[in-house]
Amino acid sequence: MPPCVVDMQPCTVTTNYVRIVSTRGKRISEYYSGLYFNDPANNFKELFHWDESTQMFKSASSQQCLDSFLDSDGKYKIHTYDCDVTVAIKNGL
């Protein structure tokens, strides 16, 4: 059997990240699937990526998507969840 040869080519992958900032200057940061508004820390947990194919924001640190929902107290809440386009479509996102 001939030897297996792998040709390694350098490649460049560019991901455009965004930070989501409140009107008071707090940034959303993801920590163990929870979302928090914190003072800017300039760290990886504050970075999110817009996934063009699914039309969802994805956390750079957990690779989970952002979701908003109306809670029983009548207020909108946000959290992360495993990215699932079918759930997003079902919920009208």
Protein backbone atom coordinates (compact mmCIF):
# COMPACT_ATOMS: atom_id res chain seq x y z
CA MET A 1 0.00 0.00 0.00
CA PRO A 2 1.44 3.45 -0.91
CA PRO A 3 2.09 5.89 1.94
CA CYS A 4 -0.58 8.43 2.75
CA VAL A 5 0.47 11.97 1.85
CA VAL A 6 -1.26 15.01 3.26
CA ASP A 7 -0.64 18.37 1.67
CA MET A 8 -0.96 21.15 4.25
CA GLN A 9 -1.89 24.52 2.76
CA PRO A 10 -2.10 27.71 4.83
CA CYS A 11 -5.57 29.17 4.95
CA THR A 12 -7.18 32.27 6.32
CA VAL A 13 -10.52 32.22 8.09
CA THR A 14 -12.08 35.54 8.93
CA THR A 15 -14.98 35.80 11.34
CA ASN A 16 -16.54 39.15 12.04
CA TYR A 17 -17.54 39.39 15.67
CA VAL A 18 -19.78 41.99 17.28
CA ARG A 19 -20.42 43.10 20.82
CA ILE A 20 -24.00 43.74 21.89
CA VAL A 21 -24.15 46.90 24.00
CA SER A 22 -27.04 48.32 26.03
CA THR A 23 -28.02 51.99 25.97
CA ARG A 24 -26.18 52.30 29.31
CA GLY A 25 -22.93 50.97 27.90
CA LYS A 26 -23.19 47.48 29.42
CA ARG A 27 -22.16 44.57 27.22
CA ILE A 28 -23.89 41.22 26.97
CA SER A 29 -21.50 38.48 27.98
CA GLU A 30 -22.08 34.73 27.92
CA TYR A 31 -20.97 32.63 30.90
CA TYR A 32 -21.87 28.92 31.12
CA SER A 33 -24.92 29.46 28.87
CA GLY A 34 -26.15 32.40 30.95
CA LEU A 35 -26.26 35.95 29.59
CA TYR A 36 -25.31 38.96 31.67
CA PHE A 37 -25.08 42.73 31.18
CA ASN A 38 -21.65 43.71 32.50
CA ASP A 39 -19.19 46.56 32.33
CA PRO A 40 -16.91 46.14 29.30
CA ALA A 41 -14.21 43.54 29.96
CA ASN A 42 -12.87 43.21 26.38
CA ASN A 43 -12.88 39.43 26.56
CA PHE A 44 -13.97 36.49 24.41
CA LYS A 45 -17.26 36.04 26.30
CA GLU A 46 -18.51 39.40 24.94
CA LEU A 47 -18.14 38.36 21.30
CA PHE A 48 -21.00 37.21 19.10
CA HIS A 49 -21.11 36.21 15.45
CA TRP A 50 -24.02 36.80 13.07
CA ASP A 51 -24.64 33.49 11.32
CA GLU A 52 -25.92 34.55 7.90
CA SER A 53 -27.16 31.06 7.00
CA THR A 54 -29.38 30.70 10.10
CA GLN A 55 -30.05 34.43 10.68
CA MET A 56 -29.04 34.03 14.35
CA PHE A 57 -26.46 35.52 16.70
CA LYS A 58 -24.07 32.87 18.01
CA SER A 59 -21.91 33.20 21.11
CA ALA A 60 -18.20 32.92 20.31
CA SER A 61 -17.48 31.28 23.66
CA SER A 62 -20.25 28.65 23.78
CA GLN A 63 -21.30 28.40 20.10
CA GLN A 64 -24.92 28.64 21.29
CA CYS A 65 -27.47 30.99 19.75
CA LEU A 66 -29.24 33.91 21.41
CA ASP A 67 -32.96 33.66 21.98
CA SER A 68 -35.53 36.04 23.42
CA PHE A 69 -38.86 35.11 24.96
CA LEU A 70 -41.76 36.71 26.78
CA ASP A 71 -41.70 35.56 30.41
CA SER A 72 -44.74 34.99 32.62
CA ASP A 73 -44.14 38.42 34.20
CA GLY A 74 -44.72 40.07 30.80
CA LYS A 75 -41.06 41.03 30.30
CA TYR A 76 -38.76 39.92 27.52
CA LYS A 77 -35.80 37.79 28.58
CA ILE A 78 -32.78 36.54 26.65
CA HIS A 79 -30.84 33.32 27.00
CA THR A 80 -28.71 30.96 24.93
CA TYR A 81 -29.69 27.59 23.53
CA ASP A 82 -28.34 25.01 21.12
CA CYS A 83 -28.76 26.48 17.66
CA ASP A 84 -31.74 24.92 15.94
CA VAL A 85 -33.18 26.70 12.91
CA THR A 86 -36.43 24.70 13.02
CA VAL A 87 -37.19 25.96 16.56
CA ALA A 88 -36.42 29.55 15.52
CA ILE A 89 -38.74 29.31 12.53
CA LYS A 90 -41.49 27.75 14.65
CA ASN A 91 -41.22 30.61 17.14
CA GLY A 92 -41.32 33.24 14.40
CA LEU A 93 -37.71 34.36 14.70
